[in-house]
Amino acid sequence: MVRITVDMVRKKAEHHECLLAPLEEIALHQENIEKIEFIQDWCPKLKILLMQSNLIAKIENLNKLKHLTYLNLALNNIEVIENLQRCESLQKLDLTLNFIGDIISVESLSGNYNLENLYLTGNPCTDYENYRDFVTGTLPQLRYLDGKEIERSDRITALQNLPVIRSDILFEQENYKHQRKAQKTRLERDIQSKWESEYKDMDPDERNKKFWAEKCEHAPEVRYEIERMRKLKLKSCEPETKIEEKRVYKLFTPDGRPFNINQAKIDFKFNDSEPDKYVLDLAIYKHLDTSLLEIDIQPNYVRATIRGKIFQLCLPEEVDISKSTAQRSQITGHLVVTMPKVNVIVPKQKLSSDKPIRDAQLIQEHKLKDCAMKSEQTKREYLEIGPPDNVLDFTKMTMTETTVPRRYIDSRLHLGEKKPSPEFVDNPEVPDLI
C-alpha cells in the first residue's frame, strides 16, 4: 500500500520552494495511492488537487479544504460520492472511469452551490435509464455534465419528472448492487485460488505472460491485481544492483612522491611565473562554509580537503611553509594560497649590448679611487713647517731636556742661544721663566 508522505508532497511542490502551507496546487497522479490522508492538514490553502490514476477507493479527509475549486479523482476505485459537503468552493469534480453505481450519492453534492462541472463518464451509473435527467434535476447548480452543457429546457423537464425518475433509478441501482456484490465475491475467490494453486510454482515469466493474455473484467479487484502483477514484473526485470566500491585515492607513490589529485573536481589556477613564490587559486564554491575547508602545505606539495574531497598538487620546488599564507575572498569565495620558495635564484642583470665596455672600466676606477680616499682619511695628519728635520712641535714647549727628543736639542744648538736686547734690565726679584 502506497501512502502519502511529506517527502512525496514536498517533491511535487518543488516549484513552490517545497513549502506546503501556502501551496495552492498539487499533482499526485500515478503514484498508486490507495488512501487520501494528511493533505488537508499540510496544505490548507489548496485550490487544485489532482489525484487521477491511483487506487483510491474512498473520498475522505478533504472537508478542511475550504478553498478547493478543482478535484480530479479520475481512474480510481471510487464507488460512492461522499464527504465533499464542506468543500464550499468546489467548482469542478472529475470522477471519470471509476465504479460509481450508487447514483443516489450524487444528492450529497446538492449543498455545493458553486459546483458547475461534473464528470461521471465511464461509471456504471451512466448506464442507468434517465441518468442524465436525474443528475440534472438533483443538482440544479450544474452547468456542464460530462463535458456537455445543460440546456434550460432539459433542466425544467428533469425537475418536473424528478420524483418518477428517482424511483426508477433506485430500482436499477439495487439491481447493480446485487450484481456488484456477487462479482466482488467471485473475483476475490478466483484470484486467491490462482495464487494458491496455479501461480504458486509457475515461473515468473510464464505467469506474467499468462496473466496479461487473459481477458479480465472491469472491477476494482482486477485493478488491484493488475497493479500487483505490474510490481512483480518490474521486480523480476530489475537487474541485480552491484554495490559500487568507493575509490580509494593514493596520495603518494611508493617512493614518496605526491600525486596530483582533484577529487573535488573544482577549477584552479597555478601561477609559477614569479621567481620567488607560487600562487594557487582554488575556485571554492561561494556559499561553502570555511569550516568545511582544510589546508595542508608541505615543502613539496599542497593539499586542500573540501567537504571531505581531496585536492592535492605537487610543487616543482620546495616552499617555505612558515611564510606561506592561505586567504579566502569574501566576494567570490576563491581560496588563494601563497607559497614563497626556499631557494630563490635572482637572475643577474646583463649589461645592454649598446653600452661600451669603457663604462664598466670607469665604474671600476671610481670604486678604486673611493677606496683609496677612505684609507687616506684614516691616517693622522700633521702641520709641518720647514724641512722634515727642523719640524717645530709646539705641543712640546714645556718639555725638559731629559724629555725633549734629541732632534729638538740639536736644532736649538744649531740655531744658537738668543742674547738679550741693549735696553734689557735684569731684575733679580722677577722669578725665572719655567
Protein backbone atom coordinates (compact mmCIF):
# COMPACT_ATOMS: atom_id res chain seq x y z
CA MET A 1 0.00 0.00 0.00
CA VAL A 2 1.37 3.37 -1.06
CA ARG A 3 0.72 6.14 1.44
CA ILE A 4 1.04 9.89 1.12
CA THR A 5 4.22 11.11 2.80
CA VAL A 6 5.75 14.51 3.46
CA ASP A 7 8.65 13.78 1.10
CA MET A 8 6.23 12.87 -1.68
CA VAL A 9 4.28 16.11 -1.28
CA ARG A 10 7.44 18.25 -0.99
CA LYS A 11 8.82 16.65 -4.14
CA LYS A 12 5.68 17.68 -6.01
CA ALA A 13 5.97 21.21 -4.58
CA GLU A 14 9.47 21.98 -5.88
CA HIS A 15 8.18 24.93 -7.87
CA HIS A 16 6.98 26.46 -4.58
CA GLU A 17 10.32 26.10 -2.74
CA CYS A 18 8.98 22.93 -1.03
CA LEU A 19 6.70 24.99 1.26
CA LEU A 20 3.43 23.14 1.96
CA ALA A 21 1.37 25.63 3.96
CA PRO A 22 0.93 28.25 1.18
CA LEU A 23 0.65 25.61 -1.59
CA GLU A 24 -2.38 26.10 -3.86
CA GLU A 25 -1.92 23.32 -6.41
CA ILE A 26 -0.51 19.82 -6.23
CA ALA A 27 -0.45 16.83 -8.59
CA LEU A 28 -0.29 13.37 -7.01
CA HIS A 29 -1.32 11.35 -10.05
CA GLN A 30 0.03 7.90 -10.99
CA GLU A 31 1.51 7.26 -7.54
CA ASN A 32 -0.60 4.12 -6.75
CA ILE A 33 -2.02 5.88 -3.69
CA GLU A 34 -4.80 3.88 -2.00
CA LYS A 35 -5.99 6.39 0.60
CA ILE A 36 -6.44 10.17 0.83
CA GLU A 37 -4.86 11.44 4.05
CA PHE A 38 -2.83 14.30 5.62
CA ILE A 39 -3.29 16.67 2.65
CA GLN A 40 -5.91 18.86 4.34
CA ASP A 41 -3.59 19.35 7.33
CA TRP A 42 -0.41 20.04 5.36
CA CYS A 43 -1.92 22.19 2.59
CA PRO A 44 -4.96 24.06 4.00
CA LYS A 45 -4.93 26.67 1.18
CA LEU A 46 -5.09 24.11 -1.61
CA LYS A 47 -7.21 25.10 -4.63
CA ILE A 48 -6.38 22.39 -7.17
CA LEU A 49 -5.86 18.72 -6.24
CA LEU A 50 -5.01 16.22 -8.98
CA MET A 51 -5.09 12.57 -7.87
CA GLN A 52 -6.07 10.70 -11.03
CA SER A 53 -4.72 7.26 -11.95
CA ASN A 54 -4.37 5.92 -8.42
CA LEU A 55 -6.06 3.14 -6.41
CA ILE A 56 -8.22 5.33 -4.15
CA ALA A 57 -11.38 3.53 -3.03
CA LYS A 58 -13.00 6.24 -0.88
CA ILE A 59 -13.35 10.03 -0.90
CA GLU A 60 -12.30 11.19 2.56
CA ASN A 61 -10.24 13.65 4.60
CA LEU A 62 -10.96 16.67 2.39
CA ASN A 63 -13.53 18.52 4.49
CA LYS A 64 -10.97 21.16 5.70
CA LEU A 65 -10.10 22.33 2.19
CA LYS A 66 -12.32 25.40 2.13
CA HIS A 67 -10.52 26.91 -0.89
CA LEU A 68 -10.61 23.77 -3.08
CA THR A 69 -12.09 24.58 -6.52
CA TYR A 70 -10.99 21.60 -8.66
CA LEU A 71 -10.75 17.96 -7.60
CA ASN A 72 -9.67 15.28 -10.09
CA LEU A 73 -10.16 11.67 -8.96
CA ALA A 74 -10.49 10.04 -12.37
CA LEU A 75 -9.28 6.45 -12.91
CA ASN A 76 -9.61 5.29 -9.31
CA ASN A 77 -11.71 2.67 -7.47
CA ILE A 78 -14.37 5.01 -6.03
CA GLU A 79 -17.90 3.53 -5.71
CA VAL A 80 -19.71 6.22 -3.71
CA ILE A 81 -19.70 10.05 -3.85
CA GLU A 82 -19.32 11.26 -0.26
CA ASN A 83 -17.57 13.58 2.22
CA LEU A 84 -17.46 16.66 -0.05
CA GLN A 85 -20.27 18.65 1.60
CA ARG A 86 -17.89 21.05 3.38
CA CYS A 87 -15.88 21.93 0.27
CA GLU A 88 -17.97 25.03 -0.35
CA SER A 89 -15.66 26.44 -3.07
CA LEU A 90 -15.70 23.28 -5.22
CA GLN A 91 -16.47 24.19 -8.86
CA LYS A 92 -15.25 21.17 -10.84
CA LEU A 93 -15.33 17.48 -9.89
CA ASP A 94 -13.90 14.79 -12.19
CA LEU A 95 -14.82 11.18 -11.36
CA THR A 96 -14.29 9.69 -14.82
CA LEU A 97 -13.75 5.90 -15.09
CA ASN A 98 -14.50 4.92 -11.52
CA PHE A 99 -17.02 2.32 -10.22
CA ILE A 100 -19.81 4.59 -9.01
CA GLY A 101 -23.03 2.59 -9.09
CA ASP A 102 -24.70 4.35 -6.19
CA ILE A 103 -26.15 7.23 -8.22
CA ILE A 104 -28.26 8.42 -5.26
CA SER A 105 -24.98 9.50 -3.62
CA VAL A 106 -24.97 12.43 -6.07
CA GLU A 107 -27.51 14.08 -3.75
CA SER A 108 -24.65 14.72 -1.27
CA LEU A 109 -23.40 17.43 -3.67
CA SER A 110 -26.62 19.46 -3.56
CA GLY A 111 -25.11 21.79 -0.93
CA ASN A 112 -22.05 22.59 -3.08
CA TYR A 113 -23.70 25.66 -4.64
CA ASN A 114 -20.52 26.61 -6.60
CA LEU A 115 -20.31 23.25 -8.41
CA GLU A 116 -20.65 23.84 -12.17
CA ASN A 117 -18.83 20.90 -13.82
CA LEU A 118 -19.28 17.21 -13.03
CA TYR A 119 -17.76 14.27 -14.93
CA LEU A 120 -19.13 10.74 -14.40
CA THR A 121 -18.24 9.25 -17.77
CA GLY A 122 -17.24 5.56 -17.61
CA ASN A 123 -19.04 4.78 -14.35
CA PRO A 124 -21.73 2.04 -14.10
CA CYS A 125 -24.33 4.65 -13.14
CA THR A 126 -24.17 6.18 -16.62
CA ASP A 127 -25.84 3.04 -17.96
CA TYR A 128 -28.99 3.71 -15.95
CA GLU A 129 -32.02 4.93 -17.83
CA ASN A 130 -32.69 8.66 -17.34
CA TYR A 131 -29.31 9.00 -15.62
CA ARG A 132 -28.68 12.47 -17.09
CA ASP A 133 -32.13 13.77 -16.19
CA PHE A 134 -31.74 12.56 -12.60
CA VAL A 135 -28.36 14.28 -12.10
CA THR A 136 -29.63 17.47 -13.78
CA GLY A 137 -32.72 17.62 -11.58
CA THR A 138 -30.83 16.72 -8.39
CA LEU A 139 -28.04 19.32 -8.91
CA PRO A 140 -29.69 22.46 -10.36
CA GLN A 141 -26.42 24.45 -9.92
CA LEU A 142 -24.67 22.37 -12.62
CA ARG A 143 -23.89 23.96 -15.98
CA TYR A 144 -21.99 21.08 -17.57
CA LEU A 145 -22.38 17.31 -17.12
CA ASP A 146 -19.77 15.00 -18.69
CA GLY A 147 -18.47 17.92 -20.73
CA LYS A 148 -21.86 18.75 -22.27
CA GLU A 149 -23.74 21.93 -21.43
CA ILE A 150 -27.11 21.54 -19.70
CA GLU A 151 -29.85 23.41 -21.55
CA ARG A 152 -32.54 25.29 -19.67
CA SER A 153 -35.29 23.19 -21.24
CA ASP A 154 -33.54 19.97 -20.10
CA ARG A 155 -33.30 21.32 -16.57
CA ILE A 156 -37.03 22.19 -16.48
CA THR A 157 -38.01 18.75 -17.80
CA ALA A 158 -35.73 16.99 -15.32
CA LEU A 159 -37.16 18.94 -12.37
CA GLN A 160 -40.73 18.17 -13.41
CA ASN A 161 -40.10 14.42 -13.75
CA LEU A 162 -37.60 14.02 -10.88
CA PRO A 163 -39.86 12.00 -8.45
CA VAL A 164 -40.66 9.39 -11.14
CA ILE A 165 -37.09 9.28 -12.43
CA ARG A 166 -35.75 8.83 -8.90
CA SER A 167 -37.91 5.74 -8.25
CA ASP A 168 -36.73 4.13 -11.49
CA ILE A 169 -33.08 4.99 -10.68
CA LEU A 170 -33.42 3.37 -7.24
CA PHE A 171 -34.65 0.12 -8.80
CA GLU A 172 -31.73 -0.02 -11.25
CA GLN A 173 -29.29 0.87 -8.51
CA GLU A 174 -30.48 -2.04 -6.31
CA ASN A 175 -30.01 -4.47 -9.19
CA TYR A 176 -26.46 -3.21 -9.72
CA LYS A 177 -25.64 -3.58 -6.03
CA HIS A 178 -26.62 -7.26 -6.08
CA GLN A 179 -24.58 -7.86 -9.21
CA ARG A 180 -21.61 -5.99 -7.76
CA LYS A 181 -21.71 -7.97 -4.54
CA ALA A 182 -21.70 -11.27 -6.41
CA GLN A 183 -18.92 -10.08 -8.70
CA LYS A 184 -16.73 -8.99 -5.78
CA THR A 185 -17.13 -12.36 -4.02
CA ARG A 186 -16.40 -14.31 -7.19
CA LEU A 187 -13.33 -12.28 -8.19
CA GLU A 188 -11.77 -12.44 -4.71
CA ARG A 189 -12.24 -16.22 -4.65
CA ASP A 190 -10.82 -16.71 -8.15
CA ILE A 191 -7.78 -14.54 -7.52
CA GLN A 192 -6.99 -16.27 -4.25
CA SER A 193 -7.29 -19.74 -5.79
CA LYS A 194 -4.99 -18.79 -8.66
CA TRP A 195 -2.24 -17.65 -6.34
CA GLU A 196 -2.60 -20.71 -4.10
CA SER A 197 -2.58 -23.32 -6.86
CA GLU A 198 -1.91 -22.15 -10.40
CA TYR A 199 0.58 -19.31 -9.83
CA LYS A 200 2.33 -20.90 -6.85
CA ASP A 201 5.00 -22.98 -8.63
CA MET A 202 4.88 -21.24 -12.00
CA ASP A 203 7.87 -19.50 -13.50
CA PRO A 204 7.54 -15.69 -13.14
CA ASP A 205 7.90 -15.10 -16.87
CA GLU A 206 5.24 -17.68 -17.73
CA ARG A 207 2.94 -16.35 -15.01
CA ASN A 208 3.18 -12.80 -16.33
CA LYS A 209 2.65 -13.96 -19.90
CA LYS A 210 -0.47 -15.94 -18.97
CA PHE A 211 -1.96 -13.17 -16.82
CA TRP A 212 -1.61 -10.45 -19.46
CA ALA A 213 -3.04 -12.76 -22.16
CA GLU A 214 -6.26 -13.50 -20.23
CA LYS A 215 -9.40 -11.38 -20.54
CA CYS A 216 -10.41 -9.58 -17.38
CA GLU A 217 -13.45 -7.80 -16.03
CA HIS A 218 -13.75 -4.11 -15.23
CA ALA A 219 -13.75 -4.13 -11.44
CA PRO A 220 -11.74 -2.67 -8.54
CA GLU A 221 -10.37 -6.11 -7.64
CA VAL A 222 -8.95 -6.53 -11.14
CA ARG A 223 -7.24 -3.14 -10.92
CA TYR A 224 -5.58 -4.17 -7.66
CA GLU A 225 -4.42 -7.41 -9.26
CA ILE A 226 -3.06 -5.59 -12.32
CA GLU A 227 -1.02 -3.32 -10.08
CA ARG A 228 0.25 -6.33 -8.13
CA MET A 229 1.39 -8.12 -11.29
CA ARG A 230 2.98 -4.96 -12.61
CA LYS A 231 5.11 -4.62 -9.47
CA LEU A 232 6.18 -8.28 -9.67
CA LYS A 233 7.11 -7.86 -13.32
CA LEU A 234 9.18 -4.79 -12.61
CA LYS A 235 10.86 -6.54 -9.72
CA SER A 236 11.80 -9.55 -11.85
CA CYS A 237 13.15 -7.31 -14.63
CA GLU A 238 15.32 -5.25 -12.32
CA PRO A 239 19.00 -6.12 -12.71
CA GLU A 240 20.95 -7.09 -9.66
CA THR A 241 22.37 -3.93 -8.24
CA LYS A 242 26.05 -4.18 -7.56
CA ILE A 243 27.41 -2.31 -4.63
CA GLU A 244 29.85 0.17 -6.02
CA GLU A 245 33.11 0.18 -4.17
CA LYS A 246 34.30 3.59 -3.22
CA ARG A 247 37.52 4.54 -4.90
CA VAL A 248 40.46 4.82 -2.53
CA TYR A 249 42.75 7.64 -3.60
CA LYS A 250 46.50 7.09 -3.20
CA LEU A 251 48.24 10.26 -2.12
CA PHE A 252 51.86 9.19 -2.68
CA THR A 253 53.86 6.87 -4.90
CA PRO A 254 55.88 4.04 -3.32
CA ASP A 255 58.96 6.28 -3.36
CA GLY A 256 57.13 9.11 -1.54
CA ARG A 257 56.40 11.42 -4.47
CA PRO A 258 52.96 13.12 -4.11
CA PHE A 259 50.27 12.58 -6.74
CA ASN A 260 48.19 15.32 -8.38
CA ILE A 261 44.57 14.72 -7.28
CA ASN A 262 41.38 16.69 -7.97
CA GLN A 263 38.67 14.60 -6.34
CA ALA A 264 36.55 17.69 -5.71
CA LYS A 265 36.61 18.49 -9.48
CA ILE A 266 36.99 22.23 -8.93
CA ASP A 267 38.68 24.74 -11.21
CA PHE A 268 42.07 26.08 -10.17
CA LYS A 269 44.93 28.29 -11.40
CA PHE A 270 48.59 27.69 -10.55
CA ASN A 271 50.88 30.69 -11.11
CA ASP A 272 54.60 29.89 -11.21
CA SER A 273 55.70 32.89 -13.28
CA GLU A 274 57.01 34.83 -10.28
CA PRO A 275 60.63 33.93 -9.41
CA ASP A 276 60.24 33.95 -5.62
CA LYS A 277 56.86 32.28 -4.95
CA TYR A 278 54.00 30.07 -6.16
CA VAL A 279 50.35 31.19 -6.11
CA LEU A 280 47.46 28.67 -6.18
CA ASP A 281 43.90 29.95 -6.80
CA LEU A 282 41.17 27.42 -5.96
CA ALA A 283 37.64 28.23 -7.19
CA ILE A 284 35.87 27.20 -3.97
CA TYR A 285 32.08 27.36 -4.02
CA LYS A 286 30.96 30.82 -2.95
CA HIS A 287 28.44 29.74 -0.30
CA LEU A 288 30.55 26.92 1.16
CA ASP A 289 31.33 27.47 4.83
CA THR A 290 35.01 27.95 5.59
CA SER A 291 34.82 25.39 8.41
CA LEU A 292 34.45 22.70 5.73
CA LEU A 293 37.90 23.52 4.30
CA GLU A 294 41.25 22.15 5.44
CA ILE A 295 44.62 23.31 4.06
CA ASP A 296 47.89 21.40 4.43
CA ILE A 297 51.03 22.99 2.97
CA GLN A 298 54.19 20.87 2.82
CA PRO A 299 57.60 21.67 1.27
CA ASN A 300 56.86 19.70 -1.90
CA TYR A 301 53.04 19.65 -2.14
CA VAL A 302 49.85 21.44 -1.09
CA ARG A 303 46.63 19.65 -0.14
CA ALA A 304 43.12 21.07 0.33
CA THR A 305 40.24 18.99 1.71
CA ILE A 306 36.86 20.35 0.56
CA ARG A 307 33.88 18.71 2.28
CA GLY A 308 35.89 15.52 2.61
CA LYS A 309 37.12 15.56 -1.00
CA ILE A 310 40.82 15.92 -1.68
CA PHE A 311 42.66 18.36 -3.92
CA GLN A 312 46.43 17.80 -4.00
CA LEU A 313 49.08 19.44 -6.17
CA CYS A 314 52.76 18.55 -6.42
CA LEU A 315 55.09 21.60 -6.35
CA PRO A 316 58.08 21.90 -8.72
CA GLU A 317 60.34 23.35 -5.98
CA GLU A 318 60.39 23.40 -2.22
CA VAL A 319 58.49 26.17 -0.48
CA ASP A 320 58.82 27.82 2.91
CA ILE A 321 55.82 26.57 4.90
CA SER A 322 56.41 29.05 7.75
CA LYS A 323 55.87 32.02 5.42
CA SER A 324 53.05 30.50 3.34
CA THR A 325 49.56 32.01 3.63
CA ALA A 326 46.01 30.97 2.69
CA GLN A 327 43.32 33.63 2.24
CA ARG A 328 39.72 33.35 1.06
CA SER A 329 37.82 36.03 -0.86
CA GLN A 330 34.59 37.19 0.75
CA ILE A 331 33.19 38.16 -2.67
CA THR A 332 34.00 35.20 -4.93
CA GLY A 333 34.76 32.55 -2.31
CA HIS A 334 38.06 31.64 -4.01
CA LEU A 335 40.93 30.36 -1.85
CA VAL A 336 44.34 31.88 -2.67
CA VAL A 337 47.41 30.05 -1.31
CA THR A 338 50.73 31.96 -1.50
CA MET A 339 53.88 29.84 -1.04
CA PRO A 340 57.35 31.54 -1.06
CA LYS A 341 60.19 29.45 -2.46
CA VAL A 342 63.07 28.31 -0.29
CA ASN A 343 65.95 28.55 -2.79
CA VAL A 344 65.30 31.79 -4.64
CA ILE A 345 67.72 32.40 -7.53
CA VAL A 346 67.80 36.07 -8.51
CA PRO A 347 68.77 36.41 -12.17
CA LYS A 348 71.87 38.52 -12.90
CA GLN A 349 71.32 41.79 -14.70
CA LYS A 350 73.04 41.73 -18.04
CA LEU A 351 74.61 44.88 -19.48
CA SER A 352 72.94 46.00 -22.60
CA SER A 353 74.94 45.48 -25.77
CA ASP A 354 74.68 49.12 -26.82
CA LYS A 355 76.78 50.40 -23.87
CA PRO A 356 80.57 50.44 -24.44
CA ILE A 357 82.96 48.43 -22.30
CA ARG A 358 84.60 51.69 -21.26
CA ASP A 359 81.68 52.46 -18.94
CA ALA A 360 82.38 49.35 -16.91
CA GLN A 361 86.06 50.28 -16.65
CA LEU A 362 85.23 53.79 -15.47
CA ILE A 363 82.95 52.39 -12.80
CA GLN A 364 85.77 50.15 -11.60
CA GLU A 365 88.23 53.05 -11.47
CA HIS A 366 85.82 55.18 -9.45
CA LYS A 367 85.43 52.34 -6.98
CA LEU A 368 89.24 52.11 -6.57
CA LYS A 369 89.57 55.86 -6.03
CA ASP A 370 86.85 55.83 -3.40
CA CYS A 371 88.65 53.05 -1.53
CA ALA A 372 91.99 54.96 -1.64
CA MET A 373 90.40 58.15 -0.34
CA LYS A 374 88.82 56.32 2.54
CA SER A 375 92.16 54.72 3.51
CA GLU A 376 93.96 58.11 3.44
CA GLN A 377 91.36 59.73 5.63
CA THR A 378 92.09 57.21 8.37
CA LYS A 379 95.75 58.44 8.71
CA ARG A 380 96.64 61.25 11.18
CA GLU A 381 97.79 64.48 9.52
CA TYR A 382 100.35 66.99 10.97
CA LEU A 383 101.06 70.63 10.15
CA GLU A 384 104.73 70.80 9.03
CA ILE A 385 106.92 73.96 8.83
CA GLY A 386 110.29 73.85 7.17
CA PRO A 387 112.22 70.78 6.30
CA PRO A 388 111.31 67.48 7.90
CA ASP A 389 114.37 67.57 10.23
CA ASN A 390 113.59 71.09 11.55
CA VAL A 391 109.95 70.50 12.35
CA LEU A 392 108.86 72.52 15.38
CA ASP A 393 106.29 70.81 17.54
CA PHE A 394 104.60 73.50 19.64
CA THR A 395 102.99 70.83 21.81
CA LYS A 396 106.44 70.04 23.30
CA MET A 397 107.30 73.56 24.53
CA THR A 398 107.11 72.61 28.22
CA MET A 399 109.30 69.57 27.93
CA THR A 400 112.57 69.35 29.87
CA GLU A 401 115.86 68.45 28.35
CA THR A 402 115.53 64.92 29.55
CA THR A 403 112.16 64.52 27.90
CA VAL A 404 112.89 66.60 24.79
CA PRO A 405 113.85 64.46 21.86
CA ARG A 406 117.39 64.68 20.70
CA ARG A 407 116.47 66.22 17.41
CA TYR A 408 114.97 69.29 19.17
CA ILE A 409 118.16 69.87 21.19
CA ASP A 410 120.29 69.62 18.11
CA SER A 411 118.14 72.11 16.34
CA ARG A 412 118.41 74.58 19.26
CA LEU A 413 122.21 74.32 19.30
CA HIS A 414 122.33 74.80 15.62
CA LEU A 415 120.28 77.99 15.84
CA GLY A 416 122.29 79.39 18.81
CA GLU A 417 121.24 80.97 22.14
CA LYS A 418 119.28 84.20 21.94
CA LYS A 419 121.01 87.27 23.50
CA PRO A 420 119.06 89.98 25.41
CA SER A 421 118.49 93.42 23.91
CA PRO A 422 120.53 96.54 25.00
CA GLU A 423 117.65 98.01 26.94
CA PHE A 424 117.14 94.78 28.91
CA VAL A 425 117.36 95.21 32.71
CA ASP A 426 117.68 92.08 34.73
CA ASN A 427 115.52 92.30 37.83
CA PRO A 428 116.51 89.65 40.35
CA GLU A 429 113.12 89.81 42.06
CA VAL A 430 111.42 88.56 38.98
CA PRO A 431 111.33 84.79 39.07
CA ASP A 432 112.83 82.79 36.30
CA LEU A 433 110.67 81.50 33.45
CA ILE A 434 109.87 77.87 33.84
